[in-house]
């Protein structure tokens, strides 16, 4: 029995690992009334710090830290390094959007997508940058790409679909 517990634990971590970072920097536009239950298996503390700065309203400091982190990772090679750089660029995109630097945010999310095109977060954040800049058509296109990449029905899907609803409402209102 003792030998099966480590195997089950390892299997759980491997299965969750691909999605464990899925919630790290996905932005949402509207209020979020659902309870949040997120397991953080392997989130770099730099990303957690940047996210906390954003949540506390310290956008400029978040941009500074995200730039530093992305610069630190810019020369990394290999799969894990590319994933970390993706999340660093994605965090920078979210921080730039928070400070109103939407043009640079769109470009930065594009760099993240160029690294890893099969993750939903950078598409969602690029959609948010477009939304904040008033380009609701492009925002909706990005949110749809993010939704199409999701493989779950959980909180991430709720966030993306809510963002889509907000963009659709703005488009329908002609604003």
C-alpha atoms as a PDB file:
ATOM      1  CA  UNK A   1       0.000   0.000   0.000  1.00  0.00           C
ATOM      2  CA  UNK A   2       2.814   2.405   0.847  1.00  0.00           C
ATOM      3  CA  UNK A   3       4.353   1.958  -2.601  1.00  0.00           C
ATOM      4  CA  UNK A   4       1.159   2.950  -4.415  1.00  0.00           C
ATOM      5  CA  UNK A   5       0.781   6.331  -2.649  1.00  0.00           C
ATOM      6  CA  UNK A   6       3.877   7.912  -4.279  1.00  0.00           C
ATOM      7  CA  UNK A   7       2.734   6.597  -7.660  1.00  0.00           C
ATOM      8  CA  UNK A   8      -0.738   8.111  -7.232  1.00  0.00           C
ATOM      9  CA  UNK A   9       0.802  11.399  -6.044  1.00  0.00           C
ATOM     10  CA  UNK A  10       3.153  11.528  -9.032  1.00  0.00           C
ATOM     11  CA  UNK A  11       0.332  10.715 -11.452  1.00  0.00           C
ATOM     12  CA  UNK A  12      -1.818  13.460  -9.929  1.00  0.00           C
ATOM     13  CA  UNK A  13       0.969  16.021 -10.248  1.00  0.00           C
ATOM     14  CA  UNK A  14       1.717  15.021 -13.836  1.00  0.00           C
ATOM     15  CA  UNK A  15      -1.926  15.227 -14.836  1.00  0.00           C
ATOM     16  CA  UNK A  16      -2.456  18.537 -13.044  1.00  0.00           C
ATOM     17  CA  UNK A  17       0.908  19.989 -14.025  1.00  0.00           C
ATOM     18  CA  UNK A  18      -0.108  20.937 -17.555  1.00  0.00           C
ATOM     19  CA  UNK A  19      -3.033  22.949 -16.218  1.00  0.00           C
ATOM     20  CA  UNK A  20      -1.654  24.001 -12.836  1.00  0.00           C
ATOM     21  CA  UNK A  21      -0.268  27.214 -14.299  1.00  0.00           C
ATOM     22  CA  UNK A  22      -3.414  27.811 -16.311  1.00  0.00           C
ATOM     23  CA  UNK A  23      -4.823  30.305 -13.816  1.00  0.00           C
ATOM     24  CA  UNK A  24      -1.686  32.293 -13.141  1.00  0.00           C
ATOM     25  CA  UNK A  25      -2.171  35.349 -15.288  1.00  0.00           C
ATOM     26  CA  UNK A  26      -5.486  35.079 -17.079  1.00  0.00           C
ATOM     27  CA  UNK A  27      -7.260  38.439 -16.838  1.00  0.00           C
ATOM     28  CA  UNK A  28     -10.966  38.899 -16.414  1.00  0.00           C
ATOM     29  CA  UNK A  29     -12.932  42.032 -17.085  1.00  0.00           C
ATOM     30  CA  UNK A  30     -16.007  41.684 -14.920  1.00  0.00           C
ATOM     31  CA  UNK A  31     -16.753  40.867 -11.330  1.00  0.00           C
ATOM     32  CA  UNK A  32     -16.056  37.306 -10.334  1.00  0.00           C
ATOM     33  CA  UNK A  33     -18.710  35.937  -8.002  1.00  0.00           C
ATOM     34  CA  UNK A  34     -17.646  32.293  -7.980  1.00  0.00           C
ATOM     35  CA  UNK A  35     -15.581  30.791  -5.203  1.00  0.00           C
ATOM     36  CA  UNK A  36     -11.989  30.387  -6.273  1.00  0.00           C
ATOM     37  CA  UNK A  37     -10.240  27.079  -5.593  1.00  0.00           C
ATOM     38  CA  UNK A  38      -6.851  26.988  -7.269  1.00  0.00           C
ATOM     39  CA  UNK A  39      -4.025  24.587  -6.552  1.00  0.00           C
ATOM     40  CA  UNK A  40      -0.587  26.074  -7.186  1.00  0.00           C
ATOM     41  CA  UNK A  41       1.843  23.230  -7.807  1.00  0.00           C
ATOM     42  CA  UNK A  42       4.703  25.019  -9.470  1.00  0.00           C
ATOM     43  CA  UNK A  43       4.133  28.734  -9.880  1.00  0.00           C
ATOM     44  CA  UNK A  44       7.329  30.755  -9.906  1.00  0.00           C
ATOM     45  CA  UNK A  45       7.307  33.159  -6.990  1.00  0.00           C
ATOM     46  CA  UNK A  46       8.095  36.024  -9.383  1.00  0.00           C
ATOM     47  CA  UNK A  47       4.804  35.441 -11.225  1.00  0.00           C
ATOM     48  CA  UNK A  48       2.917  35.174  -7.927  1.00  0.00           C
ATOM     49  CA  UNK A  49       4.455  38.478  -6.809  1.00  0.00           C
ATOM     50  CA  UNK A  50       3.554  40.231 -10.078  1.00  0.00           C
ATOM     51  CA  UNK A  51      -0.015  38.905  -9.864  1.00  0.00           C
ATOM     52  CA  UNK A  52      -0.290  40.118  -6.268  1.00  0.00           C
ATOM     53  CA  UNK A  53       0.957  43.581  -7.275  1.00  0.00           C
ATOM     54  CA  UNK A  54      -1.723  43.722  -9.977  1.00  0.00           C
ATOM     55  CA  UNK A  55      -4.437  42.595  -7.567  1.00  0.00           C
ATOM     56  CA  UNK A  56      -3.375  45.271  -5.079  1.00  0.00           C
ATOM     57  CA  UNK A  57      -3.457  48.003  -7.752  1.00  0.00           C
ATOM     58  CA  UNK A  58       0.305  48.530  -8.114  1.00  0.00           C
ATOM     59  CA  UNK A  59       0.394  48.435 -11.914  1.00  0.00           C
ATOM     60  CA  UNK A  60       3.609  50.397 -12.442  1.00  0.00           C
ATOM     61  CA  UNK A  61       5.506  48.235  -9.977  1.00  0.00           C
ATOM     62  CA  UNK A  62       4.063  45.099 -11.628  1.00  0.00           C
ATOM     63  CA  UNK A  63       5.295  46.325 -15.028  1.00  0.00           C
ATOM     64  CA  UNK A  64       8.757  46.945 -13.582  1.00  0.00           C
ATOM     65  CA  UNK A  65       8.963  43.494 -11.975  1.00  0.00           C
ATOM     66  CA  UNK A  66       7.524  41.740 -15.041  1.00  0.00           C
ATOM     67  CA  UNK A  67      10.080  43.471 -17.295  1.00  0.00           C
ATOM     68  CA  UNK A  68      12.887  42.379 -14.971  1.00  0.00           C
ATOM     69  CA  UNK A  69      11.644  38.804 -14.861  1.00  0.00           C
ATOM     70  CA  UNK A  70      11.176  38.588 -18.645  1.00  0.00           C
ATOM     71  CA  UNK A  71      14.672  40.040 -19.196  1.00  0.00           C
ATOM     72  CA  UNK A  72      16.130  37.487 -16.788  1.00  0.00           C
ATOM     73  CA  UNK A  73      14.497  34.651 -18.731  1.00  0.00           C
ATOM     74  CA  UNK A  74      15.032  36.026 -22.241  1.00  0.00           C
ATOM     75  CA  UNK A  75      18.099  33.890 -22.928  1.00  0.00           C
ATOM     76  CA  UNK A  76      16.725  30.634 -21.564  1.00  0.00           C
ATOM     77  CA  UNK A  77      16.639  27.549 -23.732  1.00  0.00           C
ATOM     78  CA  UNK A  78      14.575  24.397 -23.592  1.00  0.00           C
ATOM     79  CA  UNK A  79      10.981  23.588 -22.821  1.00  0.00           C
ATOM     80  CA  UNK A  80      10.795  24.698 -19.196  1.00  0.00           C
ATOM     81  CA  UNK A  81      12.632  27.940 -19.935  1.00  0.00           C
ATOM     82  CA  UNK A  82      10.232  28.687 -22.795  1.00  0.00           C
ATOM     83  CA  UNK A  83       7.221  28.061 -20.547  1.00  0.00           C
ATOM     84  CA  UNK A  84       8.610  30.368 -17.856  1.00  0.00           C
ATOM     85  CA  UNK A  85       9.330  33.068 -20.439  1.00  0.00           C
ATOM     86  CA  UNK A  86       5.794  32.651 -21.809  1.00  0.00           C
ATOM     87  CA  UNK A  87       4.320  33.306 -18.366  1.00  0.00           C
ATOM     88  CA  UNK A  88       6.708  36.210 -17.756  1.00  0.00           C
ATOM     89  CA  UNK A  89       5.671  37.865 -21.036  1.00  0.00           C
ATOM     90  CA  UNK A  90       2.032  37.116 -20.309  1.00  0.00           C
ATOM     91  CA  UNK A  91       2.350  38.736 -16.873  1.00  0.00           C
ATOM     92  CA  UNK A  92       4.018  41.746 -18.501  1.00  0.00           C
ATOM     93  CA  UNK A  93       1.133  41.966 -20.973  1.00  0.00           C
ATOM     94  CA  UNK A  94      -1.394  41.990 -18.125  1.00  0.00           C
ATOM     95  CA  UNK A  95       0.598  44.610 -16.216  1.00  0.00           C
ATOM     96  CA  UNK A  96       0.957  46.838 -19.278  1.00  0.00           C
ATOM     97  CA  UNK A  97      -2.781  46.608 -19.872  1.00  0.00           C
ATOM     98  CA  UNK A  98      -3.403  47.587 -16.241  1.00  0.00           C
ATOM     99  CA  UNK A  99      -1.286  50.735 -16.724  1.00  0.00           C
ATOM    100  CA  UNK A 100      -2.985  51.611 -20.033  1.00  0.00           C
ATOM    101  CA  UNK A 101      -0.016  50.741 -22.245  1.00  0.00           C
ATOM    102  CA  UNK A 102      -2.220  48.658 -24.486  1.00  0.00           C
ATOM    103  CA  UNK A 103      -0.208  48.879 -27.712  1.00  0.00           C
ATOM    104  CA  UNK A 104       2.882  47.439 -26.017  1.00  0.00           C
ATOM    105  CA  UNK A 105       0.665  44.929 -24.184  1.00  0.00           C
ATOM    106  CA  UNK A 106      -0.675  43.589 -27.496  1.00  0.00           C
ATOM    107  CA  UNK A 107       2.886  43.230 -28.832  1.00  0.00           C
ATOM    108  CA  UNK A 108       4.074  41.532 -25.644  1.00  0.00           C
ATOM    109  CA  UNK A 109       1.211  39.030 -25.682  1.00  0.00           C
ATOM    110  CA  UNK A 110       2.108  38.354 -29.313  1.00  0.00           C
ATOM    111  CA  UNK A 111       5.650  37.467 -28.221  1.00  0.00           C
ATOM    112  CA  UNK A 112       4.245  35.040 -25.652  1.00  0.00           C
ATOM    113  CA  UNK A 113       1.982  33.482 -28.295  1.00  0.00           C
ATOM    114  CA  UNK A 114       4.933  33.160 -30.669  1.00  0.00           C
ATOM    115  CA  UNK A 115       6.688  31.107 -27.973  1.00  0.00           C
ATOM    116  CA  UNK A 116       3.728  28.884 -27.073  1.00  0.00           C
ATOM    117  CA  UNK A 117       0.657  29.156 -29.262  1.00  0.00           C
ATOM    118  CA  UNK A 118      -1.376  26.404 -27.579  1.00  0.00           C
ATOM    119  CA  UNK A 119      -1.965  28.126 -24.220  1.00  0.00           C
ATOM    120  CA  UNK A 120      -5.079  30.254 -23.714  1.00  0.00           C
ATOM    121  CA  UNK A 121      -3.793  32.916 -21.281  1.00  0.00           C
ATOM    122  CA  UNK A 122      -1.917  35.211 -23.680  1.00  0.00           C
ATOM    123  CA  UNK A 123      -4.854  35.212 -26.114  1.00  0.00           C
ATOM    124  CA  UNK A 124      -7.169  36.173 -23.270  1.00  0.00           C
ATOM    125  CA  UNK A 125      -4.811  38.910 -22.067  1.00  0.00           C
ATOM    126  CA  UNK A 126      -4.307  40.233 -25.599  1.00  0.00           C
ATOM    127  CA  UNK A 127      -8.104  40.330 -25.876  1.00  0.00           C
ATOM    128  CA  UNK A 128      -8.237  42.361 -22.682  1.00  0.00           C
ATOM    129  CA  UNK A 129      -5.618  44.783 -24.025  1.00  0.00           C
ATOM    130  CA  UNK A 130      -7.731  45.246 -27.159  1.00  0.00           C
ATOM    131  CA  UNK A 131     -10.856  45.659 -25.034  1.00  0.00           C
ATOM    132  CA  UNK A 132      -9.247  48.333 -22.859  1.00  0.00           C
ATOM    133  CA  UNK A 133      -8.061  50.166 -25.993  1.00  0.00           C
ATOM    134  CA  UNK A 134     -11.626  50.136 -27.385  1.00  0.00           C
ATOM    135  CA  UNK A 135     -11.053  47.575 -30.175  1.00  0.00           C
ATOM    136  CA  UNK A 136     -13.909  45.259 -29.227  1.00  0.00           C
ATOM    137  CA  UNK A 137     -13.853  43.307 -32.504  1.00  0.00           C
ATOM    138  CA  UNK A 138     -10.231  42.269 -32.005  1.00  0.00           C
ATOM    139  CA  UNK A 139     -10.917  41.602 -28.318  1.00  0.00           C
ATOM    140  CA  UNK A 140     -13.724  39.200 -29.196  1.00  0.00           C
ATOM    141  CA  UNK A 141     -11.530  37.401 -31.745  1.00  0.00           C
ATOM    142  CA  UNK A 142      -8.810  36.881 -29.133  1.00  0.00           C
ATOM    143  CA  UNK A 143     -11.283  35.712 -26.489  1.00  0.00           C
ATOM    144  CA  UNK A 144     -12.671  33.175 -28.971  1.00  0.00           C
ATOM    145  CA  UNK A 145      -9.152  31.859 -29.628  1.00  0.00           C
ATOM    146  CA  UNK A 146      -8.592  31.560 -25.877  1.00  0.00           C
ATOM    147  CA  UNK A 147     -11.893  29.698 -25.428  1.00  0.00           C
ATOM    148  CA  UNK A 148     -11.072  27.316 -28.261  1.00  0.00           C
ATOM    149  CA  UNK A 149      -7.796  26.389 -26.555  1.00  0.00           C
ATOM    150  CA  UNK A 150      -9.396  25.626 -23.204  1.00  0.00           C
ATOM    151  CA  UNK A 151      -9.851  21.988 -22.376  1.00  0.00           C
ATOM    152  CA  UNK A 152     -11.933  22.456 -19.254  1.00  0.00           C
ATOM    153  CA  UNK A 153     -15.274  23.747 -18.082  1.00  0.00           C
ATOM    154  CA  UNK A 154     -13.949  25.379 -14.913  1.00  0.00           C
ATOM    155  CA  UNK A 155     -13.038  28.861 -13.774  1.00  0.00           C
ATOM    156  CA  UNK A 156     -10.848  29.594 -16.796  1.00  0.00           C
ATOM    157  CA  UNK A 157     -13.721  28.972 -19.199  1.00  0.00           C
ATOM    158  CA  UNK A 158     -15.984  31.146 -17.040  1.00  0.00           C
ATOM    159  CA  UNK A 159     -13.448  34.003 -17.200  1.00  0.00           C
ATOM    160  CA  UNK A 160     -13.006  33.813 -20.971  1.00  0.00           C
ATOM    161  CA  UNK A 161     -16.719  33.449 -21.711  1.00  0.00           C
ATOM    162  CA  UNK A 162     -17.526  36.377 -19.422  1.00  0.00           C
ATOM    163  CA  UNK A 163     -14.943  38.480 -21.254  1.00  0.00           C
ATOM    164  CA  UNK A 164     -16.563  37.420 -24.549  1.00  0.00           C
ATOM    165  CA  UNK A 165     -19.991  38.501 -23.285  1.00  0.00           C
ATOM    166  CA  UNK A 166     -18.639  41.914 -22.314  1.00  0.00           C
ATOM    167  CA  UNK A 167     -17.011  42.420 -25.728  1.00  0.00           C
ATOM    168  CA  UNK A 168     -20.181  41.263 -27.501  1.00  0.00           C
ATOM    169  CA  UNK A 169     -22.259  43.693 -25.431  1.00  0.00           C
ATOM    170  CA  UNK A 170     -19.961  46.581 -26.371  1.00  0.00           C
ATOM    171  CA  UNK A 171     -20.082  45.612 -30.051  1.00  0.00           C
ATOM    172  CA  UNK A 172     -23.873  45.397 -29.986  1.00  0.00           C
ATOM    173  CA  UNK A 173     -24.061  48.822 -28.341  1.00  0.00           C
ATOM    174  CA  UNK A 174     -21.804  50.244 -31.064  1.00  0.00           C
ATOM    175  CA  UNK A 175     -19.219  51.531 -28.598  1.00  0.00           C
END
